[in-house]
Amino acid sequence: MNADTLKGQWHQVKGGLKSQWGKLTDNDLDQISGQSEKLIGKLQERYGYAKDRAEQEFRDFQYEADRADADMSDTDVTRH
């Protein structure tokens, strides 16, 4: 998931973000609005992470989201 994908799929991703980081408020998510740099800033603010830690947390989230998308794609294949 890159920055463009985050913006494009923002409504689908918000729930996952809220599950991953429960301290993010609905107002935070509205402010972030699909912008990865704002998300990283909010992670720093809400969790007290250093910037490098917040960036790593976000990369881990992206990796897991990409993996889940790949798994869904594999199960979408119809087998005869």
C-alpha atoms as a PDB file:
ATOM      1  CA  MET A   1       0.000   0.000   0.000  1.00  0.00           C
ATOM      2  CA  ASN A   2       1.596   3.244  -1.115  1.00  0.00           C
ATOM      3  CA  ALA A   3       0.521   6.812  -0.311  1.00  0.00           C
ATOM      4  CA  ASP A   4      -1.824   6.982  -3.331  1.00  0.00           C
ATOM      5  CA  THR A   5      -3.470   3.717  -2.346  1.00  0.00           C
ATOM      6  CA  LEU A   6      -3.919   4.979   1.203  1.00  0.00           C
ATOM      7  CA  LYS A   7      -5.772   8.048  -0.081  1.00  0.00           C
ATOM      8  CA  GLY A   8      -7.797   6.058  -2.608  1.00  0.00           C
ATOM      9  CA  GLN A   9      -8.907   3.430  -0.123  1.00  0.00           C
ATOM     10  CA  TRP A  10      -9.172   5.722   2.880  1.00  0.00           C
ATOM     11  CA  HIS A  11     -12.702   4.734   3.895  1.00  0.00           C
ATOM     12  CA  GLN A  12     -11.808   1.036   3.856  1.00  0.00           C
ATOM     13  CA  VAL A  13      -8.513   1.589   5.677  1.00  0.00           C
ATOM     14  CA  LYS A  14      -9.892   3.747   8.513  1.00  0.00           C
ATOM     15  CA  GLY A  15     -11.400   0.778  10.318  1.00  0.00           C
ATOM     16  CA  GLY A  16      -8.116  -1.086  10.245  1.00  0.00           C
ATOM     17  CA  LEU A  17      -6.278   1.944  11.572  1.00  0.00           C
ATOM     18  CA  LYS A  18      -8.768   2.295  14.405  1.00  0.00           C
ATOM     19  CA  SER A  19      -8.338  -1.397  15.256  1.00  0.00           C
ATOM     20  CA  GLN A  20      -4.548  -1.174  15.126  1.00  0.00           C
ATOM     21  CA  TRP A  21      -4.262   2.116  17.011  1.00  0.00           C
ATOM     22  CA  GLY A  22      -7.272   2.570  19.261  1.00  0.00           C
ATOM     23  CA  LYS A  23      -6.015   5.874  20.653  1.00  0.00           C
ATOM     24  CA  LEU A  24      -6.665   7.531  17.273  1.00  0.00           C
ATOM     25  CA  THR A  25      -9.948   9.400  17.474  1.00  0.00           C
ATOM     26  CA  ASP A  26     -12.491   9.841  14.704  1.00  0.00           C
ATOM     27  CA  ASN A  27     -11.393  13.475  14.580  1.00  0.00           C
ATOM     28  CA  ASP A  28      -7.768  12.339  14.137  1.00  0.00           C
ATOM     29  CA  LEU A  29      -8.797  10.099  11.256  1.00  0.00           C
ATOM     30  CA  ASP A  30     -10.734  12.944   9.649  1.00  0.00           C
ATOM     31  CA  GLN A  31      -7.663  15.171   9.932  1.00  0.00           C
ATOM     32  CA  ILE A  32      -5.341  12.483   8.528  1.00  0.00           C
ATOM     33  CA  SER A  33      -7.651  11.981   5.550  1.00  0.00           C
ATOM     34  CA  GLY A  34      -5.438   9.424   3.827  1.00  0.00           C
ATOM     35  CA  GLN A  35      -2.165  11.323   4.211  1.00  0.00           C
ATOM     36  CA  SER A  36       0.586   9.050   5.508  1.00  0.00           C
ATOM     37  CA  GLU A  37       2.702  11.884   6.942  1.00  0.00           C
ATOM     38  CA  LYS A  38      -0.252  13.109   9.004  1.00  0.00           C
ATOM     39  CA  LEU A  39      -0.880   9.566  10.224  1.00  0.00           C
ATOM     40  CA  ILE A  40       2.744   9.239  11.289  1.00  0.00           C
ATOM     41  CA  GLY A  41       2.466  12.573  13.115  1.00  0.00           C
ATOM     42  CA  LYS A  42      -0.681  11.457  14.918  1.00  0.00           C
ATOM     43  CA  LEU A  43       1.004   8.198  15.953  1.00  0.00           C
ATOM     44  CA  GLN A  44       3.815  10.258  17.442  1.00  0.00           C
ATOM     45  CA  GLU A  45       1.336  12.506  19.227  1.00  0.00           C
ATOM     46  CA  ARG A  46      -1.011   9.837  20.596  1.00  0.00           C
ATOM     47  CA  TYR A  47       1.542   7.138  21.423  1.00  0.00           C
ATOM     48  CA  GLY A  48       4.650   9.192  22.161  1.00  0.00           C
ATOM     49  CA  TYR A  49       6.594   7.390  19.426  1.00  0.00           C
ATOM     50  CA  ALA A  50       9.767   8.848  17.989  1.00  0.00           C
ATOM     51  CA  LYS A  51       9.422   9.611  14.277  1.00  0.00           C
ATOM     52  CA  ASP A  52      11.385   6.521  13.211  1.00  0.00           C
ATOM     53  CA  ARG A  53       9.218   4.287  15.408  1.00  0.00           C
ATOM     54  CA  ALA A  54       5.996   5.817  14.024  1.00  0.00           C
ATOM     55  CA  GLU A  55       7.266   5.336  10.467  1.00  0.00           C
ATOM     56  CA  GLN A  56       8.128   1.692  11.215  1.00  0.00           C
ATOM     57  CA  GLU A  57       4.701   1.088  12.759  1.00  0.00           C
ATOM     58  CA  PHE A  58       3.103   2.515   9.615  1.00  0.00           C
ATOM     59  CA  ARG A  59       5.325   0.410   7.319  1.00  0.00           C
ATOM     60  CA  ASP A  60       4.364  -2.692   9.314  1.00  0.00           C
ATOM     61  CA  PHE A  61       0.692  -1.778   8.932  1.00  0.00           C
ATOM     62  CA  GLN A  62       1.173  -1.298   5.168  1.00  0.00           C
ATOM     63  CA  TYR A  63       2.934  -4.656   4.882  1.00  0.00           C
ATOM     64  CA  GLU A  64       0.148  -6.471   6.721  1.00  0.00           C
ATOM     65  CA  ALA A  65      -2.520  -4.717   4.629  1.00  0.00           C
ATOM     66  CA  ASP A  66      -0.723  -5.650   1.411  1.00  0.00           C
ATOM     67  CA  ARG A  67      -0.387  -9.238   2.597  1.00  0.00           C
ATOM     68  CA  ALA A  68      -4.084  -9.411   3.442  1.00  0.00           C
ATOM     69  CA  ASP A  69      -4.954  -8.004  -0.005  1.00  0.00           C
ATOM     70  CA  ALA A  70      -2.756 -10.635  -1.649  1.00  0.00           C
ATOM     71  CA  ASP A  71      -4.417 -13.384   0.394  1.00  0.00           C
ATOM     72  CA  MET A  72      -7.857 -12.107  -0.667  1.00  0.00           C
ATOM     73  CA  SER A  73      -6.759 -12.080  -4.304  1.00  0.00           C
ATOM     74  CA  ASP A  74      -5.651 -15.690  -4.023  1.00  0.00           C
ATOM     75  CA  THR A  75      -9.021 -16.774  -2.662  1.00  0.00           C
ATOM     76  CA  ASP A  76     -10.882 -14.837  -5.362  1.00  0.00           C
ATOM     77  CA  VAL A  77      -9.553 -17.180  -8.037  1.00  0.00           C
ATOM     78  CA  THR A  78     -12.275 -19.557  -9.160  1.00  0.00           C
ATOM     79  CA  ARG A  79     -11.077 -23.131  -9.474  1.00  0.00           C
ATOM     80  CA  HIS A  80     -12.758 -25.690 -11.675  1.00  0.00           C
END
